Amino acid sequence: MSAQTDFHVTVFEAIPSPIFVIDREFSIIDFNSAAGKLPNAVVFNALRARGGDMLGCVHAEGGVCGEAAACRGCSIQKVIRDAFTGGYVCRRAIAMPLRMAGGGVEITDFLVTAAPFRDGKEPLLLLILENLGEIIRAATRGDARGTAAATGK
């Protein structure tokens, strides 16, 4: 690895928001350590999986992300599709039902940003998920504890 590559990897890993690199088939080809720390993240099987599989989307249960009837209206897939098709950064707030470790379901509000780029000839996309509930809680506290809660540190 070159020094420049090491620097970029260090920056990618230092970003406290979950970031995924997505290909045209909507598969995860890379992610940063913050993405691996998401409460429902299935990291051991994340590469080449789709986002809903890794995040614990209730619609991916018993199948594969993108194949259930409910997936046709998936807000995250729409953001990704719009960014790839239009070639521009797309950002939307979405609500996503996620399976919790205890077996329940929780609606999580995310600010989703999809930023297309090219690696050589291959079109790729950075998908950034920011938990809006954490951001609001941090902002209303107005102190260093809020920043720590929002970043997981």
C-alpha atoms as a PDB file:
ATOM      1  CA  MET A   1       0.000   0.000   0.000  1.00  0.00           C
ATOM      2  CA  SER A   2       1.147   3.507  -0.739  1.00  0.00           C
ATOM      3  CA  ALA A   3       1.298   6.220   1.924  1.00  0.00           C
ATOM      4  CA  GLN A   4      -1.652   7.921   0.215  1.00  0.00           C
ATOM      5  CA  THR A   5      -3.703   4.714   0.364  1.00  0.00           C
ATOM      6  CA  ASP A   6      -2.838   4.265   4.052  1.00  0.00           C
ATOM      7  CA  PHE A   7      -3.947   7.845   4.706  1.00  0.00           C
ATOM      8  CA  HIS A   8      -7.303   7.325   2.945  1.00  0.00           C
ATOM      9  CA  VAL A   9      -7.958   4.083   4.808  1.00  0.00           C
ATOM     10  CA  THR A  10      -7.173   5.841   8.099  1.00  0.00           C
ATOM     11  CA  VAL A  11      -9.599   8.658   7.246  1.00  0.00           C
ATOM     12  CA  PHE A  12     -12.316   6.171   6.150  1.00  0.00           C
ATOM     13  CA  GLU A  13     -11.966   4.291   9.440  1.00  0.00           C
ATOM     14  CA  ALA A  14     -11.901   7.487  11.543  1.00  0.00           C
ATOM     15  CA  ILE A  15     -15.288   8.721  10.299  1.00  0.00           C
ATOM     16  CA  PRO A  16     -17.763   8.047  13.127  1.00  0.00           C
ATOM     17  CA  SER A  17     -20.763   7.549  10.818  1.00  0.00           C
ATOM     18  CA  PRO A  18     -21.432   4.132   9.269  1.00  0.00           C
ATOM     19  CA  ILE A  19     -20.228   4.176   5.667  1.00  0.00           C
ATOM     20  CA  PHE A  20     -20.675   1.429   3.098  1.00  0.00           C
ATOM     21  CA  VAL A  21     -19.218   1.151  -0.410  1.00  0.00           C
ATOM     22  CA  ILE A  22     -21.973  -0.214  -2.667  1.00  0.00           C
ATOM     23  CA  ASP A  23     -21.739  -1.595  -6.210  1.00  0.00           C
ATOM     24  CA  ARG A  24     -24.325  -1.468  -9.018  1.00  0.00           C
ATOM     25  CA  GLU A  25     -25.991  -4.648  -7.737  1.00  0.00           C
ATOM     26  CA  PHE A  26     -26.514  -2.878  -4.366  1.00  0.00           C
ATOM     27  CA  SER A  27     -24.019  -5.247  -2.722  1.00  0.00           C
ATOM     28  CA  ILE A  28     -21.693  -4.077   0.051  1.00  0.00           C
ATOM     29  CA  ILE A  29     -18.088  -4.302  -1.143  1.00  0.00           C
ATOM     30  CA  ASP A  30     -16.518  -2.470   1.811  1.00  0.00           C
ATOM     31  CA  PHE A  31     -17.515  -0.688   5.015  1.00  0.00           C
ATOM     32  CA  ASN A  32     -15.842   1.248   7.796  1.00  0.00           C
ATOM     33  CA  SER A  33     -15.518   0.193  11.429  1.00  0.00           C
ATOM     34  CA  ALA A  34     -18.501   2.382  12.470  1.00  0.00           C
ATOM     35  CA  ALA A  35     -20.722   0.331  10.139  1.00  0.00           C
ATOM     36  CA  GLY A  36     -19.461  -2.843  11.768  1.00  0.00           C
ATOM     37  CA  LYS A  37     -20.529  -1.484  15.159  1.00  0.00           C
ATOM     38  CA  LEU A  38     -24.165  -0.922  14.257  1.00  0.00           C
ATOM     39  CA  PRO A  39     -26.370  -2.686  16.834  1.00  0.00           C
ATOM     40  CA  ASN A  40     -27.736  -5.245  14.364  1.00  0.00           C
ATOM     41  CA  ALA A  41     -24.750  -5.491  12.053  1.00  0.00           C
ATOM     42  CA  VAL A  42     -24.007  -8.965  10.779  1.00  0.00           C
ATOM     43  CA  VAL A  43     -20.385  -8.171  10.002  1.00  0.00           C
ATOM     44  CA  PHE A  44     -19.122 -11.708   9.540  1.00  0.00           C
ATOM     45  CA  ASN A  45     -21.254 -12.041   6.431  1.00  0.00           C
ATOM     46  CA  ALA A  46     -21.520  -8.420   5.295  1.00  0.00           C
ATOM     47  CA  LEU A  47     -19.287  -8.325   2.239  1.00  0.00           C
ATOM     48  CA  ARG A  48     -21.263  -8.995  -0.941  1.00  0.00           C
ATOM     49  CA  ALA A  49     -24.470  -8.869   1.153  1.00  0.00           C
ATOM     50  CA  ARG A  50     -27.019  -6.109   0.804  1.00  0.00           C
ATOM     51  CA  GLY A  51     -27.635  -3.392   3.369  1.00  0.00           C
ATOM     52  CA  GLY A  52     -30.893  -4.789   4.742  1.00  0.00           C
ATOM     53  CA  ASP A  53     -29.215  -8.150   5.377  1.00  0.00           C
ATOM     54  CA  MET A  54     -26.457  -6.498   7.398  1.00  0.00           C
ATOM     55  CA  LEU A  55     -28.678  -4.001   9.243  1.00  0.00           C
ATOM     56  CA  GLY A  56     -31.370  -6.479  10.229  1.00  0.00           C
ATOM     57  CA  CYS A  57     -34.204  -5.033   8.140  1.00  0.00           C
ATOM     58  CA  VAL A  58     -37.418  -6.904   9.001  1.00  0.00           C
ATOM     59  CA  HIS A  59     -38.252  -7.247   5.309  1.00  0.00           C
ATOM     60  CA  ALA A  60     -35.019  -9.184   4.634  1.00  0.00           C
ATOM     61  CA  GLU A  61     -35.970 -11.786   7.247  1.00  0.00           C
ATOM     62  CA  GLY A  62     -36.484 -15.226   5.732  1.00  0.00           C
ATOM     63  CA  GLY A  63     -35.152 -14.052   2.400  1.00  0.00           C
ATOM     64  CA  VAL A  64     -32.646 -11.723   0.897  1.00  0.00           C
ATOM     65  CA  CYS A  65     -32.636  -7.931   0.999  1.00  0.00           C
ATOM     66  CA  GLY A  66     -34.367  -6.635  -2.116  1.00  0.00           C
ATOM     67  CA  GLU A  67     -36.488  -9.717  -2.810  1.00  0.00           C
ATOM     68  CA  ALA A  68     -39.513  -9.321  -0.499  1.00  0.00           C
ATOM     69  CA  ALA A  69     -42.656  -7.552  -1.754  1.00  0.00           C
ATOM     70  CA  ALA A  70     -42.019  -4.716   0.740  1.00  0.00           C
ATOM     71  CA  CYS A  71     -38.571  -4.137  -0.793  1.00  0.00           C
ATOM     72  CA  ARG A  72     -40.108  -2.564  -3.895  1.00  0.00           C
ATOM     73  CA  GLY A  73     -40.814   0.566  -1.844  1.00  0.00           C
ATOM     74  CA  CYS A  74     -37.533   0.502   0.110  1.00  0.00           C
ATOM     75  CA  SER A  75     -36.382   4.048   0.791  1.00  0.00           C
ATOM     76  CA  ILE A  76     -32.695   3.124   0.978  1.00  0.00           C
ATOM     77  CA  GLN A  77     -32.844   1.319  -2.368  1.00  0.00           C
ATOM     78  CA  LYS A  78     -34.578   4.366  -3.867  1.00  0.00           C
ATOM     79  CA  VAL A  79     -31.809   6.696  -2.623  1.00  0.00           C
ATOM     80  CA  ILE A  80     -29.152   4.351  -4.046  1.00  0.00           C
ATOM     81  CA  ARG A  81     -30.975   3.975  -7.364  1.00  0.00           C
ATOM     82  CA  ASP A  82     -31.502   7.757  -7.687  1.00  0.00           C
ATOM     83  CA  ALA A  83     -27.817   8.469  -6.969  1.00  0.00           C
ATOM     84  CA  PHE A  84     -26.568   5.853  -9.450  1.00  0.00           C
ATOM     85  CA  THR A  85     -29.057   6.861 -12.161  1.00  0.00           C
ATOM     86  CA  GLY A  86     -28.683  10.610 -11.764  1.00  0.00           C
ATOM     87  CA  GLY A  87     -24.969  10.634 -10.976  1.00  0.00           C
ATOM     88  CA  TYR A  88     -25.487  13.064  -8.109  1.00  0.00           C
ATOM     89  CA  VAL A  89     -25.419  13.009  -4.308  1.00  0.00           C
ATOM     90  CA  CYS A  90     -28.830  12.081  -2.953  1.00  0.00           C
ATOM     91  CA  ARG A  91     -29.845  12.630   0.690  1.00  0.00           C
ATOM     92  CA  ARG A  92     -33.109  11.694   2.414  1.00  0.00           C
ATOM     93  CA  ALA A  93     -34.455  11.028   5.876  1.00  0.00           C
ATOM     94  CA  ILE A  94     -36.011   7.562   6.102  1.00  0.00           C
ATOM     95  CA  ALA A  95     -37.589   5.307   8.719  1.00  0.00           C
ATOM     96  CA  MET A  96     -36.429   1.686   8.658  1.00  0.00           C
ATOM     97  CA  PRO A  97     -37.905  -1.201  10.691  1.00  0.00           C
ATOM     98  CA  LEU A  98     -34.996  -3.180  12.185  1.00  0.00           C
ATOM     99  CA  ARG A  99     -34.919  -6.471  14.080  1.00  0.00           C
ATOM    100  CA  MET A 100     -33.499  -6.024  17.564  1.00  0.00           C
ATOM    101  CA  ALA A 101     -31.263  -8.525  19.362  1.00  0.00           C
ATOM    102  CA  GLY A 102     -34.068  -9.356  21.838  1.00  0.00           C
ATOM    103  CA  GLY A 103     -36.420 -10.295  19.013  1.00  0.00           C
ATOM    104  CA  GLY A 104     -38.484  -7.106  18.802  1.00  0.00           C
ATOM    105  CA  VAL A 105     -38.703  -4.559  16.025  1.00  0.00           C
ATOM    106  CA  GLU A 106     -37.654  -0.920  16.287  1.00  0.00           C
ATOM    107  CA  ILE A 107     -38.244   1.833  13.758  1.00  0.00           C
ATOM    108  CA  THR A 108     -34.948   3.675  13.299  1.00  0.00           C
ATOM    109  CA  ASP A 109     -34.802   7.058  11.592  1.00  0.00           C
ATOM    110  CA  PHE A 110     -31.743   7.596   9.419  1.00  0.00           C
ATOM    111  CA  LEU A 111     -30.416  10.424   7.320  1.00  0.00           C
ATOM    112  CA  VAL A 112     -29.223   8.474   4.285  1.00  0.00           C
ATOM    113  CA  THR A 113     -26.642   9.980   1.937  1.00  0.00           C
ATOM    114  CA  ALA A 114     -25.670   8.253  -1.310  1.00  0.00           C
ATOM    115  CA  ALA A 115     -22.675   9.687  -3.155  1.00  0.00           C
ATOM    116  CA  PRO A 116     -21.697   8.097  -6.478  1.00  0.00           C
ATOM    117  CA  PHE A 117     -18.057   7.851  -7.584  1.00  0.00           C
ATOM    118  CA  ARG A 118     -15.909   5.759  -9.913  1.00  0.00           C
ATOM    119  CA  ASP A 119     -13.074   3.419  -9.076  1.00  0.00           C
ATOM    120  CA  GLY A 120     -11.447   3.208 -12.466  1.00  0.00           C
ATOM    121  CA  LYS A 121     -14.342   2.343 -14.756  1.00  0.00           C
ATOM    122  CA  GLU A 122     -16.572   0.774 -12.104  1.00  0.00           C
ATOM    123  CA  PRO A 123     -19.379   2.976 -10.785  1.00  0.00           C
ATOM    124  CA  LEU A 124     -19.606   2.733  -6.992  1.00  0.00           C
ATOM    125  CA  LEU A 125     -21.423   4.584  -4.270  1.00  0.00           C
ATOM    126  CA  LEU A 126     -20.707   5.712  -0.722  1.00  0.00           C
ATOM    127  CA  LEU A 127     -23.759   5.074   1.432  1.00  0.00           C
ATOM    128  CA  ILE A 128     -23.685   6.967   4.727  1.00  0.00           C
ATOM    129  CA  LEU A 129     -26.226   6.271   7.483  1.00  0.00           C
ATOM    130  CA  GLU A 130     -26.662   8.746  10.305  1.00  0.00           C
ATOM    131  CA  ASN A 131     -29.032   7.853  13.133  1.00  0.00           C
ATOM    132  CA  LEU A 132     -31.289  10.898  13.471  1.00  0.00           C
ATOM    133  CA  GLY A 133     -32.411   9.916  16.975  1.00  0.00           C
ATOM    134  CA  GLU A 134     -28.797   9.983  18.195  1.00  0.00           C
ATOM    135  CA  ILE A 135     -28.169  13.320  16.503  1.00  0.00           C
ATOM    136  CA  ILE A 136     -31.285  14.894  18.059  1.00  0.00           C
ATOM    137  CA  ARG A 137     -30.436  13.539  21.526  1.00  0.00           C
ATOM    138  CA  ALA A 138     -26.882  14.891  21.231  1.00  0.00           C
ATOM    139  CA  ALA A 139     -28.094  18.287  20.042  1.00  0.00           C
ATOM    140  CA  THR A 140     -30.627  18.663  22.848  1.00  0.00           C
ATOM    141  CA  ARG A 141     -28.044  17.817  25.522  1.00  0.00           C
ATOM    142  CA  GLY A 142     -25.749  20.556  24.270  1.00  0.00           C
ATOM    143  CA  ASP A 143     -22.668  19.172  25.985  1.00  0.00           C
ATOM    144  CA  ALA A 144     -19.708  16.867  25.367  1.00  0.00           C
ATOM    145  CA  ARG A 145     -21.709  13.845  26.566  1.00  0.00           C
ATOM    146  CA  GLY A 146     -24.054  14.346  23.603  1.00  0.00           C
ATOM    147  CA  THR A 147     -21.163  14.301  21.167  1.00  0.00           C
ATOM    148  CA  ALA A 148     -19.821  11.116  22.744  1.00  0.00           C
ATOM    149  CA  ALA A 149     -23.252   9.451  22.566  1.00  0.00           C
ATOM    150  CA  ALA A 150     -23.702  10.388  18.912  1.00  0.00           C
ATOM    151  CA  THR A 151     -20.288   9.097  17.871  1.00  0.00           C
ATOM    152  CA  GLY A 152     -20.241   5.997  20.054  1.00  0.00           C
ATOM    153  CA  LYS A 153     -17.107   7.125  21.917  1.00  0.00           C
END
